[in-house]
């Protein structure tokens, strides 16, 4: 590894340690080479999010995202002229793990959708957004860890997992997002439960909003269950990482339920000790027996 690439990976590692919070607990379970790649992926995703969230006009943000997309394309095609310090590391990780470029481009597409307040008519519409901002990152992750596709089964499970994680984020950040004009809950669900959009700005949920949030939480829980067999298709080295990420976010969802969906006044979070306990508890999955070939064993239904 040359000095420039080493510096780029170090930049990504420092950013991840500082900002990753929930995710960094899982990165420390990986061997150094894979940890570097995960940090590069996280840093890319974080920087993409920041471009949309920082202050500035819509025109400026759109221009910056377009420039970022061009910079990514140049880096992936071998240009050494990187406008952002982490791009050389990301390009190296993408090449090393054969990450399809379309997944990285989808992350930018998803963030671009947040530039203007938008509504989602149906859950299918919302799921398309989740696939870009969350599932695409998960698909990059399984390429880094290594996995068995089994005719696309693993990819489908990773997609469902990403939607579950993003739904958990949406439930946790209902009021904060609404204050920015971002309402992610599908219009069909708001109408079904009789919840006007302005109720998402209250400091306490109404009973109708509680019912709506319970419905969405059940949907997220079903997706976590649907994605559960993914661990059997991921290489052993990646299973503790997957288990930690899913474990932390599933625990956040359970905490939201435990609070009876009172997510309006303060942001639901987990104490550091609990995140560490989930990470340590997931270590054993690295030594579980890998799933057999589809020729000898019935695989999860996808």
C-alpha atoms as a PDB file:
ATOM      1  CA  UNK A   1       0.000   0.000   0.000  1.00  0.00           C
ATOM      2  CA  UNK A   2       1.513   3.337  -1.000  1.00  0.00           C
ATOM      3  CA  UNK A   3       1.646   6.324   1.334  1.00  0.00           C
ATOM      4  CA  UNK A   4      -1.221   8.226  -0.322  1.00  0.00           C
ATOM      5  CA  UNK A   5      -3.572   5.266  -0.018  1.00  0.00           C
ATOM      6  CA  UNK A   6      -2.501   4.672   3.575  1.00  0.00           C
ATOM      7  CA  UNK A   7      -3.287   8.301   4.423  1.00  0.00           C
ATOM      8  CA  UNK A   8      -6.702   7.976   2.744  1.00  0.00           C
ATOM      9  CA  UNK A   9      -7.575   4.879   4.775  1.00  0.00           C
ATOM     10  CA  UNK A  10      -6.386   6.607   7.939  1.00  0.00           C
ATOM     11  CA  UNK A  11      -8.655   9.564   7.191  1.00  0.00           C
ATOM     12  CA  UNK A  12     -11.634   7.197   6.853  1.00  0.00           C
ATOM     13  CA  UNK A  13     -10.738   5.365  10.044  1.00  0.00           C
ATOM     14  CA  UNK A  14     -10.542   8.580  12.058  1.00  0.00           C
ATOM     15  CA  UNK A  15     -13.847   9.818  10.659  1.00  0.00           C
ATOM     16  CA  UNK A  16     -15.502   6.487  11.492  1.00  0.00           C
ATOM     17  CA  UNK A  17     -14.206   6.473  15.059  1.00  0.00           C
ATOM     18  CA  UNK A  18     -15.519   9.996  15.521  1.00  0.00           C
ATOM     19  CA  UNK A  19     -18.893   9.706  13.810  1.00  0.00           C
ATOM     20  CA  UNK A  20     -19.965   6.092  13.301  1.00  0.00           C
ATOM     21  CA  UNK A  21     -21.379   5.507  16.797  1.00  0.00           C
ATOM     22  CA  UNK A  22     -23.651   2.475  16.346  1.00  0.00           C
ATOM     23  CA  UNK A  23     -21.675   1.083  13.430  1.00  0.00           C
ATOM     24  CA  UNK A  24     -18.138   1.437  14.772  1.00  0.00           C
ATOM     25  CA  UNK A  25     -18.845  -1.081  17.537  1.00  0.00           C
ATOM     26  CA  UNK A  26     -19.113  -3.701  14.811  1.00  0.00           C
ATOM     27  CA  UNK A  27     -16.044  -2.606  12.833  1.00  0.00           C
ATOM     28  CA  UNK A  28     -13.683  -3.469  15.678  1.00  0.00           C
ATOM     29  CA  UNK A  29     -14.705  -7.130  15.319  1.00  0.00           C
ATOM     30  CA  UNK A  30     -13.106  -7.351  11.860  1.00  0.00           C
ATOM     31  CA  UNK A  31      -9.499  -8.079  10.883  1.00  0.00           C
ATOM     32  CA  UNK A  32      -7.607  -4.884   9.952  1.00  0.00           C
ATOM     33  CA  UNK A  33      -7.942  -5.216   6.165  1.00  0.00           C
ATOM     34  CA  UNK A  34     -11.723  -5.575   6.276  1.00  0.00           C
ATOM     35  CA  UNK A  35     -12.032  -2.934   8.987  1.00  0.00           C
ATOM     36  CA  UNK A  36     -10.280  -0.451   6.705  1.00  0.00           C
ATOM     37  CA  UNK A  37     -12.731  -1.235   3.910  1.00  0.00           C
ATOM     38  CA  UNK A  38     -15.740  -0.830   6.196  1.00  0.00           C
ATOM     39  CA  UNK A  39     -14.415   2.507   7.416  1.00  0.00           C
ATOM     40  CA  UNK A  40     -13.965   3.657   3.812  1.00  0.00           C
ATOM     41  CA  UNK A  41     -17.568   2.671   3.033  1.00  0.00           C
ATOM     42  CA  UNK A  42     -18.905   4.379   6.155  1.00  0.00           C
ATOM     43  CA  UNK A  43     -16.920   7.552   5.467  1.00  0.00           C
ATOM     44  CA  UNK A  44     -18.287   7.675   1.915  1.00  0.00           C
ATOM     45  CA  UNK A  45     -21.870   7.286   3.148  1.00  0.00           C
ATOM     46  CA  UNK A  46     -21.382   9.868   5.876  1.00  0.00           C
ATOM     47  CA  UNK A  47     -19.872  12.431   3.531  1.00  0.00           C
ATOM     48  CA  UNK A  48     -22.708  11.902   1.058  1.00  0.00           C
ATOM     49  CA  UNK A  49     -25.275  12.511   3.822  1.00  0.00           C
ATOM     50  CA  UNK A  50     -23.433  15.627   4.983  1.00  0.00           C
ATOM     51  CA  UNK A  51     -23.571  17.171   1.525  1.00  0.00           C
ATOM     52  CA  UNK A  52     -27.367  17.109   1.676  1.00  0.00           C
ATOM     53  CA  UNK A  53     -27.689  18.139   5.337  1.00  0.00           C
ATOM     54  CA  UNK A  54     -25.270  21.062   5.510  1.00  0.00           C
ATOM     55  CA  UNK A  55     -26.479  24.649   5.187  1.00  0.00           C
ATOM     56  CA  UNK A  56     -26.914  26.035   1.705  1.00  0.00           C
ATOM     57  CA  UNK A  57     -29.407  26.585  -1.061  1.00  0.00           C
ATOM     58  CA  UNK A  58     -31.013  23.741  -2.969  1.00  0.00           C
ATOM     59  CA  UNK A  59     -29.072  24.736  -6.090  1.00  0.00           C
ATOM     60  CA  UNK A  60     -25.753  24.651  -4.241  1.00  0.00           C
ATOM     61  CA  UNK A  61     -26.476  21.268  -2.656  1.00  0.00           C
ATOM     62  CA  UNK A  62     -27.562  19.770  -5.957  1.00  0.00           C
ATOM     63  CA  UNK A  63     -24.412  21.089  -7.622  1.00  0.00           C
ATOM     64  CA  UNK A  64     -22.248  19.656  -4.846  1.00  0.00           C
ATOM     65  CA  UNK A  65     -23.900  16.248  -5.145  1.00  0.00           C
ATOM     66  CA  UNK A  66     -23.409  16.294  -8.916  1.00  0.00           C
ATOM     67  CA  UNK A  67     -19.748  17.159  -8.424  1.00  0.00           C
ATOM     68  CA  UNK A  68     -19.496  14.406  -5.813  1.00  0.00           C
ATOM     69  CA  UNK A  69     -21.001  11.916  -8.254  1.00  0.00           C
ATOM     70  CA  UNK A  70     -18.441  12.938 -10.878  1.00  0.00           C
ATOM     71  CA  UNK A  71     -15.629  12.650  -8.354  1.00  0.00           C
ATOM     72  CA  UNK A  72     -16.774   9.153  -7.427  1.00  0.00           C
ATOM     73  CA  UNK A  73     -16.840   8.121 -11.083  1.00  0.00           C
ATOM     74  CA  UNK A  74     -13.313   9.458 -11.611  1.00  0.00           C
ATOM     75  CA  UNK A  75     -12.019   7.656  -8.531  1.00  0.00           C
ATOM     76  CA  UNK A  76     -13.619   4.365  -9.513  1.00  0.00           C
ATOM     77  CA  UNK A  77     -12.115   4.575 -12.992  1.00  0.00           C
ATOM     78  CA  UNK A  78      -8.612   5.089 -11.642  1.00  0.00           C
ATOM     79  CA  UNK A  79      -8.127   8.861 -11.368  1.00  0.00           C
ATOM     80  CA  UNK A  80      -5.716   9.893  -8.638  1.00  0.00           C
ATOM     81  CA  UNK A  81      -7.169  13.427  -8.544  1.00  0.00           C
ATOM     82  CA  UNK A  82      -9.413  13.044  -5.478  1.00  0.00           C
ATOM     83  CA  UNK A  83     -11.392  16.051  -4.242  1.00  0.00           C
ATOM     84  CA  UNK A  84     -12.138  14.300  -0.932  1.00  0.00           C
ATOM     85  CA  UNK A  85      -9.424  12.527   1.091  1.00  0.00           C
ATOM     86  CA  UNK A  86     -11.366   9.293   1.471  1.00  0.00           C
ATOM     87  CA  UNK A  87     -12.002   8.617  -2.209  1.00  0.00           C
ATOM     88  CA  UNK A  88      -8.759   6.717  -2.907  1.00  0.00           C
ATOM     89  CA  UNK A  89      -9.560   4.339  -0.028  1.00  0.00           C
ATOM     90  CA  UNK A  90     -13.132   3.855  -1.221  1.00  0.00           C
ATOM     91  CA  UNK A  91     -12.031   3.157  -4.785  1.00  0.00           C
ATOM     92  CA  UNK A  92      -9.439   0.674  -3.528  1.00  0.00           C
ATOM     93  CA  UNK A  93     -12.012  -1.086  -1.332  1.00  0.00           C
ATOM     94  CA  UNK A  94     -14.524  -1.232  -4.199  1.00  0.00           C
ATOM     95  CA  UNK A  95     -11.937  -2.815  -6.469  1.00  0.00           C
ATOM     96  CA  UNK A  96     -10.586  -5.172  -3.799  1.00  0.00           C
ATOM     97  CA  UNK A  97     -14.044  -6.547  -2.943  1.00  0.00           C
ATOM     98  CA  UNK A  98     -15.670  -6.267  -6.393  1.00  0.00           C
ATOM     99  CA  UNK A  99     -18.371  -3.932  -5.096  1.00  0.00           C
ATOM    100  CA  UNK A 100     -20.718  -3.086  -7.990  1.00  0.00           C
ATOM    101  CA  UNK A 101     -20.512   0.622  -8.689  1.00  0.00           C
ATOM    102  CA  UNK A 102     -24.285   0.877  -8.968  1.00  0.00           C
ATOM    103  CA  UNK A 103     -24.608   0.375  -5.208  1.00  0.00           C
ATOM    104  CA  UNK A 104     -22.404   3.377  -4.457  1.00  0.00           C
ATOM    105  CA  UNK A 105     -24.224   5.469  -7.045  1.00  0.00           C
ATOM    106  CA  UNK A 106     -27.561   4.439  -5.500  1.00  0.00           C
ATOM    107  CA  UNK A 107     -26.468   5.930  -2.167  1.00  0.00           C
ATOM    108  CA  UNK A 108     -25.996   9.302  -3.857  1.00  0.00           C
ATOM    109  CA  UNK A 109     -29.343   8.900  -5.620  1.00  0.00           C
ATOM    110  CA  UNK A 110     -31.053   8.282  -2.285  1.00  0.00           C
ATOM    111  CA  UNK A 111     -29.474  11.271  -0.581  1.00  0.00           C
ATOM    112  CA  UNK A 112     -30.426  13.431  -3.556  1.00  0.00           C
ATOM    113  CA  UNK A 113     -34.055  12.464  -2.908  1.00  0.00           C
ATOM    114  CA  UNK A 114     -33.781  14.250   0.458  1.00  0.00           C
ATOM    115  CA  UNK A 115     -32.808  17.599  -1.029  1.00  0.00           C
ATOM    116  CA  UNK A 116     -36.444  18.622  -1.375  1.00  0.00           C
ATOM    117  CA  UNK A 117     -39.227  17.676   1.043  1.00  0.00           C
ATOM    118  CA  UNK A 118     -41.053  14.731  -0.459  1.00  0.00           C
ATOM    119  CA  UNK A 119     -43.906  12.434   0.437  1.00  0.00           C
ATOM    120  CA  UNK A 120     -44.257   8.737  -0.253  1.00  0.00           C
ATOM    121  CA  UNK A 121     -47.703   7.668  -1.359  1.00  0.00           C
ATOM    122  CA  UNK A 122     -47.262   3.986  -0.575  1.00  0.00           C
ATOM    123  CA  UNK A 123     -44.936   1.710   1.344  1.00  0.00           C
ATOM    124  CA  UNK A 124     -43.612   0.433  -1.983  1.00  0.00           C
ATOM    125  CA  UNK A 125     -42.511   4.002  -2.744  1.00  0.00           C
ATOM    126  CA  UNK A 126     -40.847   4.326   0.655  1.00  0.00           C
ATOM    127  CA  UNK A 127     -39.154   0.975   0.207  1.00  0.00           C
ATOM    128  CA  UNK A 128     -37.586   2.197  -3.029  1.00  0.00           C
ATOM    129  CA  UNK A 129     -36.048   5.099  -1.094  1.00  0.00           C
ATOM    130  CA  UNK A 130     -34.851   2.767   1.689  1.00  0.00           C
ATOM    131  CA  UNK A 131     -33.224   0.527  -0.881  1.00  0.00           C
ATOM    132  CA  UNK A 132     -31.060   3.434  -2.002  1.00  0.00           C
ATOM    133  CA  UNK A 133     -30.031   4.955   1.311  1.00  0.00           C
ATOM    134  CA  UNK A 134     -29.737   1.763   3.360  1.00  0.00           C
ATOM    135  CA  UNK A 135     -30.001  -1.496   1.412  1.00  0.00           C
ATOM    136  CA  UNK A 136     -27.381  -0.385  -1.115  1.00  0.00           C
ATOM    137  CA  UNK A 137     -24.921   0.112   1.750  1.00  0.00           C
ATOM    138  CA  UNK A 138     -25.773  -3.331   3.098  1.00  0.00           C
ATOM    139  CA  UNK A 139     -25.125  -4.869  -0.289  1.00  0.00           C
ATOM    140  CA  UNK A 140     -21.704  -3.206  -0.295  1.00  0.00           C
ATOM    141  CA  UNK A 141     -21.085  -4.662   3.167  1.00  0.00           C
ATOM    142  CA  UNK A 142     -21.733  -8.262   2.197  1.00  0.00           C
ATOM    143  CA  UNK A 143     -19.283  -7.849  -0.684  1.00  0.00           C
ATOM    144  CA  UNK A 144     -16.649  -6.716   1.809  1.00  0.00           C
ATOM    145  CA  UNK A 145     -17.341  -9.580   4.220  1.00  0.00           C
ATOM    146  CA  UNK A 146     -17.832 -12.254   1.563  1.00  0.00           C
ATOM    147  CA  UNK A 147     -21.043 -14.197   1.037  1.00  0.00           C
ATOM    148  CA  UNK A 148     -22.835 -16.909  -0.889  1.00  0.00           C
ATOM    149  CA  UNK A 149     -25.465 -15.460  -3.211  1.00  0.00           C
ATOM    150  CA  UNK A 150     -27.459 -18.653  -3.808  1.00  0.00           C
ATOM    151  CA  UNK A 151     -29.208 -17.300  -6.908  1.00  0.00           C
ATOM    152  CA  UNK A 152     -29.791 -13.880  -5.395  1.00  0.00           C
ATOM    153  CA  UNK A 153     -31.186 -15.068  -2.056  1.00  0.00           C
ATOM    154  CA  UNK A 154     -28.489 -13.284  -0.028  1.00  0.00           C
ATOM    155  CA  UNK A 155     -29.000 -10.055  -1.951  1.00  0.00           C
ATOM    156  CA  UNK A 156     -32.760 -10.172  -1.322  1.00  0.00           C
ATOM    157  CA  UNK A 157     -32.198 -10.758   2.383  1.00  0.00           C
ATOM    158  CA  UNK A 158     -29.696  -7.882   2.545  1.00  0.00           C
ATOM    159  CA  UNK A 159     -32.245  -5.622   0.878  1.00  0.00           C
ATOM    160  CA  UNK A 160     -34.889  -6.533   3.473  1.00  0.00           C
ATOM    161  CA  UNK A 161     -32.375  -5.966   6.264  1.00  0.00           C
ATOM    162  CA  UNK A 162     -31.565  -2.486   4.972  1.00  0.00           C
ATOM    163  CA  UNK A 163     -35.246  -1.548   4.853  1.00  0.00           C
ATOM    164  CA  UNK A 164     -35.685  -2.742   8.452  1.00  0.00           C
ATOM    165  CA  UNK A 165     -32.753  -0.601   9.622  1.00  0.00           C
ATOM    166  CA  UNK A 166     -34.013   2.471   7.774  1.00  0.00           C
ATOM    167  CA  UNK A 167     -37.559   2.042   9.093  1.00  0.00           C
ATOM    168  CA  UNK A 168     -36.106   1.983  12.604  1.00  0.00           C
ATOM    169  CA  UNK A 169     -34.307   5.262  11.875  1.00  0.00           C
ATOM    170  CA  UNK A 170     -37.516   6.766  10.505  1.00  0.00           C
ATOM    171  CA  UNK A 171     -39.482   5.825  13.620  1.00  0.00           C
ATOM    172  CA  UNK A 172     -36.770   7.206  15.902  1.00  0.00           C
ATOM    173  CA  UNK A 173     -36.498  10.515  14.054  1.00  0.00           C
ATOM    174  CA  UNK A 174     -40.174  11.226  13.280  1.00  0.00           C
ATOM    175  CA  UNK A 175     -40.327  14.717  14.775  1.00  0.00           C
ATOM    176  CA  UNK A 176     -36.799  15.783  13.804  1.00  0.00           C
ATOM    177  CA  UNK A 177     -37.458  14.836  10.181  1.00  0.00           C
ATOM    178  CA  UNK A 178     -40.871  16.528  10.151  1.00  0.00           C
ATOM    179  CA  UNK A 179     -39.269  19.771  11.360  1.00  0.00           C
ATOM    180  CA  UNK A 180     -37.136  19.660   8.202  1.00  0.00           C
ATOM    181  CA  UNK A 181     -40.169  19.026   6.023  1.00  0.00           C
ATOM    182  CA  UNK A 182     -39.337  15.335   5.609  1.00  0.00           C
ATOM    183  CA  UNK A 183     -42.271  12.990   6.167  1.00  0.00           C
ATOM    184  CA  UNK A 184     -41.274   9.437   5.383  1.00  0.00           C
ATOM    185  CA  UNK A 185     -44.340   7.597   6.644  1.00  0.00           C
ATOM    186  CA  UNK A 186     -46.452   6.579   3.635  1.00  0.00           C
ATOM    187  CA  UNK A 187     -49.469   8.750   2.929  1.00  0.00           C
ATOM    188  CA  UNK A 188     -51.638   5.633   2.697  1.00  0.00           C
ATOM    189  CA  UNK A 189     -50.712   4.773   6.290  1.00  0.00           C
ATOM    190  CA  UNK A 190     -51.256   8.309   7.598  1.00  0.00           C
ATOM    191  CA  UNK A 191     -54.718   8.296   6.031  1.00  0.00           C
ATOM    192  CA  UNK A 192     -55.513   4.793   7.292  1.00  0.00           C
ATOM    193  CA  UNK A 193     -54.839   5.784  10.906  1.00  0.00           C
ATOM    194  CA  UNK A 194     -56.265   9.308  10.600  1.00  0.00           C
ATOM    195  CA  UNK A 195     -52.981  11.059  11.420  1.00  0.00           C
ATOM    196  CA  UNK A 196     -52.590  14.562   9.925  1.00  0.00           C
ATOM    197  CA  UNK A 197     -48.996  15.529   9.044  1.00  0.00           C
ATOM    198  CA  UNK A 198     -48.957  18.300  11.647  1.00  0.00           C
ATOM    199  CA  UNK A 199     -49.246  15.675  14.417  1.00  0.00           C
ATOM    200  CA  UNK A 200     -45.698  14.629  13.594  1.00  0.00           C
ATOM    201  CA  UNK A 201     -44.519  17.941  15.066  1.00  0.00           C
ATOM    202  CA  UNK A 202     -46.097  17.404  18.504  1.00  0.00           C
ATOM    203  CA  UNK A 203     -43.973  16.772  21.582  1.00  0.00           C
ATOM    204  CA  UNK A 204     -46.140  13.799  22.572  1.00  0.00           C
ATOM    205  CA  UNK A 205     -47.790  11.303  20.226  1.00  0.00           C
ATOM    206  CA  UNK A 206     -51.559  11.167  19.960  1.00  0.00           C
ATOM    207  CA  UNK A 207     -53.259   7.801  20.333  1.00  0.00           C
ATOM    208  CA  UNK A 208     -53.775   7.652  16.584  1.00  0.00           C
ATOM    209  CA  UNK A 209     -50.098   8.343  16.006  1.00  0.00           C
ATOM    210  CA  UNK A 210     -49.172   5.644  18.522  1.00  0.00           C
ATOM    211  CA  UNK A 211     -51.283   3.196  16.559  1.00  0.00           C
ATOM    212  CA  UNK A 212     -49.587   4.207  13.329  1.00  0.00           C
ATOM    213  CA  UNK A 213     -46.119   3.886  14.845  1.00  0.00           C
ATOM    214  CA  UNK A 214     -47.018   0.475  16.247  1.00  0.00           C
ATOM    215  CA  UNK A 215     -48.080  -0.614  12.762  1.00  0.00           C
ATOM    216  CA  UNK A 216     -44.782   0.557  11.254  1.00  0.00           C
ATOM    217  CA  UNK A 217     -42.809  -1.044  14.101  1.00  0.00           C
ATOM    218  CA  UNK A 218     -44.501  -4.377  13.393  1.00  0.00           C
ATOM    219  CA  UNK A 219     -43.575  -3.973   9.741  1.00  0.00           C
ATOM    220  CA  UNK A 220     -39.936  -3.352  10.688  1.00  0.00           C
ATOM    221  CA  UNK A 221     -39.938  -6.323  13.073  1.00  0.00           C
ATOM    222  CA  UNK A 222     -41.259  -8.569  10.298  1.00  0.00           C
ATOM    223  CA  UNK A 223     -38.445  -7.396   8.014  1.00  0.00           C
ATOM    224  CA  UNK A 224     -35.827  -8.137  10.689  1.00  0.00           C
ATOM    225  CA  UNK A 225     -37.264 -11.637  10.937  1.00  0.00           C
ATOM    226  CA  UNK A 226     -37.325 -12.012   7.161  1.00  0.00           C
ATOM    227  CA  UNK A 227     -33.650 -10.990   6.961  1.00  0.00           C
ATOM    228  CA  UNK A 228     -32.530 -13.248   9.821  1.00  0.00           C
ATOM    229  CA  UNK A 229     -31.226 -16.089   7.579  1.00  0.00           C
ATOM    230  CA  UNK A 230     -28.751 -13.700   5.928  1.00  0.00           C
ATOM    231  CA  UNK A 231     -26.147 -14.544   8.564  1.00  0.00           C
ATOM    232  CA  UNK A 232     -26.011 -18.129   7.317  1.00  0.00           C
ATOM    233  CA  UNK A 233     -24.988 -16.915   3.853  1.00  0.00           C
ATOM    234  CA  UNK A 234     -22.384 -14.387   5.004  1.00  0.00           C
ATOM    235  CA  UNK A 235     -18.776 -15.474   5.502  1.00  0.00           C
ATOM    236  CA  UNK A 236     -17.962 -16.253   9.163  1.00  0.00           C
ATOM    237  CA  UNK A 237     -15.731 -13.183   9.509  1.00  0.00           C
ATOM    238  CA  UNK A 238     -18.666 -10.898   8.680  1.00  0.00           C
ATOM    239  CA  UNK A 239     -21.304 -12.516  10.852  1.00  0.00           C
ATOM    240  CA  UNK A 240     -20.390 -10.694  14.094  1.00  0.00           C
ATOM    241  CA  UNK A 241     -20.526  -7.372  12.234  1.00  0.00           C
ATOM    242  CA  UNK A 242     -23.929  -8.150  10.781  1.00  0.00           C
ATOM    243  CA  UNK A 243     -25.124  -9.398  14.152  1.00  0.00           C
ATOM    244  CA  UNK A 244     -23.937  -6.247  15.901  1.00  0.00           C
ATOM    245  CA  UNK A 245     -25.479  -3.812  13.430  1.00  0.00           C
ATOM    246  CA  UNK A 246     -28.793  -5.648  13.310  1.00  0.00           C
ATOM    247  CA  UNK A 247     -28.710  -6.299  17.057  1.00  0.00           C
ATOM    248  CA  UNK A 248     -28.241  -2.631  17.932  1.00  0.00           C
ATOM    249  CA  UNK A 249     -30.939  -1.396  15.580  1.00  0.00           C
ATOM    250  CA  UNK A 250     -33.361  -4.147  16.573  1.00  0.00           C
ATOM    251  CA  UNK A 251     -32.753  -3.173  20.190  1.00  0.00           C
ATOM    252  CA  UNK A 252     -33.535   0.441  19.282  1.00  0.00           C
ATOM    253  CA  UNK A 253     -36.815  -0.710  17.761  1.00  0.00           C
ATOM    254  CA  UNK A 254     -37.619  -2.691  20.907  1.00  0.00           C
ATOM    255  CA  UNK A 255     -36.826   0.364  23.028  1.00  0.00           C
ATOM    256  CA  UNK A 256     -39.239   2.437  20.935  1.00  0.00           C
ATOM    257  CA  UNK A 257     -41.927  -0.182  21.593  1.00  0.00           C
ATOM    258  CA  UNK A 258     -41.043  -0.305  25.306  1.00  0.00           C
ATOM    259  CA  UNK A 259     -41.537   3.465  25.530  1.00  0.00           C
ATOM    260  CA  UNK A 260     -44.986   3.029  24.006  1.00  0.00           C
ATOM    261  CA  UNK A 261     -43.831   4.963  20.917  1.00  0.00           C
ATOM    262  CA  UNK A 262     -43.107   8.156  22.867  1.00  0.00           C
ATOM    263  CA  UNK A 263     -40.393   9.253  20.418  1.00  0.00           C
ATOM    264  CA  UNK A 264     -41.383  12.879  19.985  1.00  0.00           C
ATOM    265  CA  UNK A 265     -39.741  14.668  22.910  1.00  0.00           C
ATOM    266  CA  UNK A 266     -36.336  12.981  22.849  1.00  0.00           C
ATOM    267  CA  UNK A 267     -34.311  10.707  20.583  1.00  0.00           C
ATOM    268  CA  UNK A 268     -34.272   7.049  21.548  1.00  0.00           C
ATOM    269  CA  UNK A 269     -30.758   5.698  22.039  1.00  0.00           C
ATOM    270  CA  UNK A 270     -28.938   2.831  23.725  1.00  0.00           C
ATOM    271  CA  UNK A 271     -26.283   3.222  26.425  1.00  0.00           C
ATOM    272  CA  UNK A 272     -22.720   2.419  25.408  1.00  0.00           C
ATOM    273  CA  UNK A 273     -22.558  -0.644  27.670  1.00  0.00           C
ATOM    274  CA  UNK A 274     -25.541  -2.199  25.904  1.00  0.00           C
ATOM    275  CA  UNK A 275     -24.023  -1.642  22.465  1.00  0.00           C
ATOM    276  CA  UNK A 276     -20.800  -3.255  23.657  1.00  0.00           C
ATOM    277  CA  UNK A 277     -22.758  -6.177  25.105  1.00  0.00           C
ATOM    278  CA  UNK A 278     -24.509  -6.716  21.761  1.00  0.00           C
ATOM    279  CA  UNK A 279     -21.158  -6.586  19.937  1.00  0.00           C
ATOM    280  CA  UNK A 280     -19.559  -9.083  22.335  1.00  0.00           C
ATOM    281  CA  UNK A 281     -22.596 -11.331  22.200  1.00  0.00           C
ATOM    282  CA  UNK A 282     -22.368 -11.516  18.422  1.00  0.00           C
ATOM    283  CA  UNK A 283     -18.792 -12.846  18.457  1.00  0.00           C
ATOM    284  CA  UNK A 284     -19.959 -16.424  18.745  1.00  0.00           C
ATOM    285  CA  UNK A 285     -21.669 -16.272  15.356  1.00  0.00           C
ATOM    286  CA  UNK A 286     -18.250 -16.310  13.722  1.00  0.00           C
ATOM    287  CA  UNK A 287     -17.836 -19.902  14.799  1.00  0.00           C
ATOM    288  CA  UNK A 288     -21.255 -21.209  13.837  1.00  0.00           C
ATOM    289  CA  UNK A 289     -21.358 -23.832  11.144  1.00  0.00           C
ATOM    290  CA  UNK A 290     -21.681 -22.322   7.649  1.00  0.00           C
ATOM    291  CA  UNK A 291     -24.772 -23.116   5.636  1.00  0.00           C
ATOM    292  CA  UNK A 292     -24.426 -26.106   3.371  1.00  0.00           C
ATOM    293  CA  UNK A 293     -24.730 -25.977  -0.385  1.00  0.00           C
ATOM    294  CA  UNK A 294     -28.206 -25.620  -1.849  1.00  0.00           C
ATOM    295  CA  UNK A 295     -27.637 -29.071  -3.352  1.00  0.00           C
ATOM    296  CA  UNK A 296     -27.776 -30.670   0.107  1.00  0.00           C
ATOM    297  CA  UNK A 297     -29.724 -28.261   2.294  1.00  0.00           C
ATOM    298  CA  UNK A 298     -32.945 -26.322   1.934  1.00  0.00           C
ATOM    299  CA  UNK A 299     -32.055 -22.640   1.910  1.00  0.00           C
ATOM    300  CA  UNK A 300     -34.066 -19.776   3.403  1.00  0.00           C
ATOM    301  CA  UNK A 301     -37.055 -18.867   1.284  1.00  0.00           C
ATOM    302  CA  UNK A 302     -36.340 -15.584  -0.511  1.00  0.00           C
END
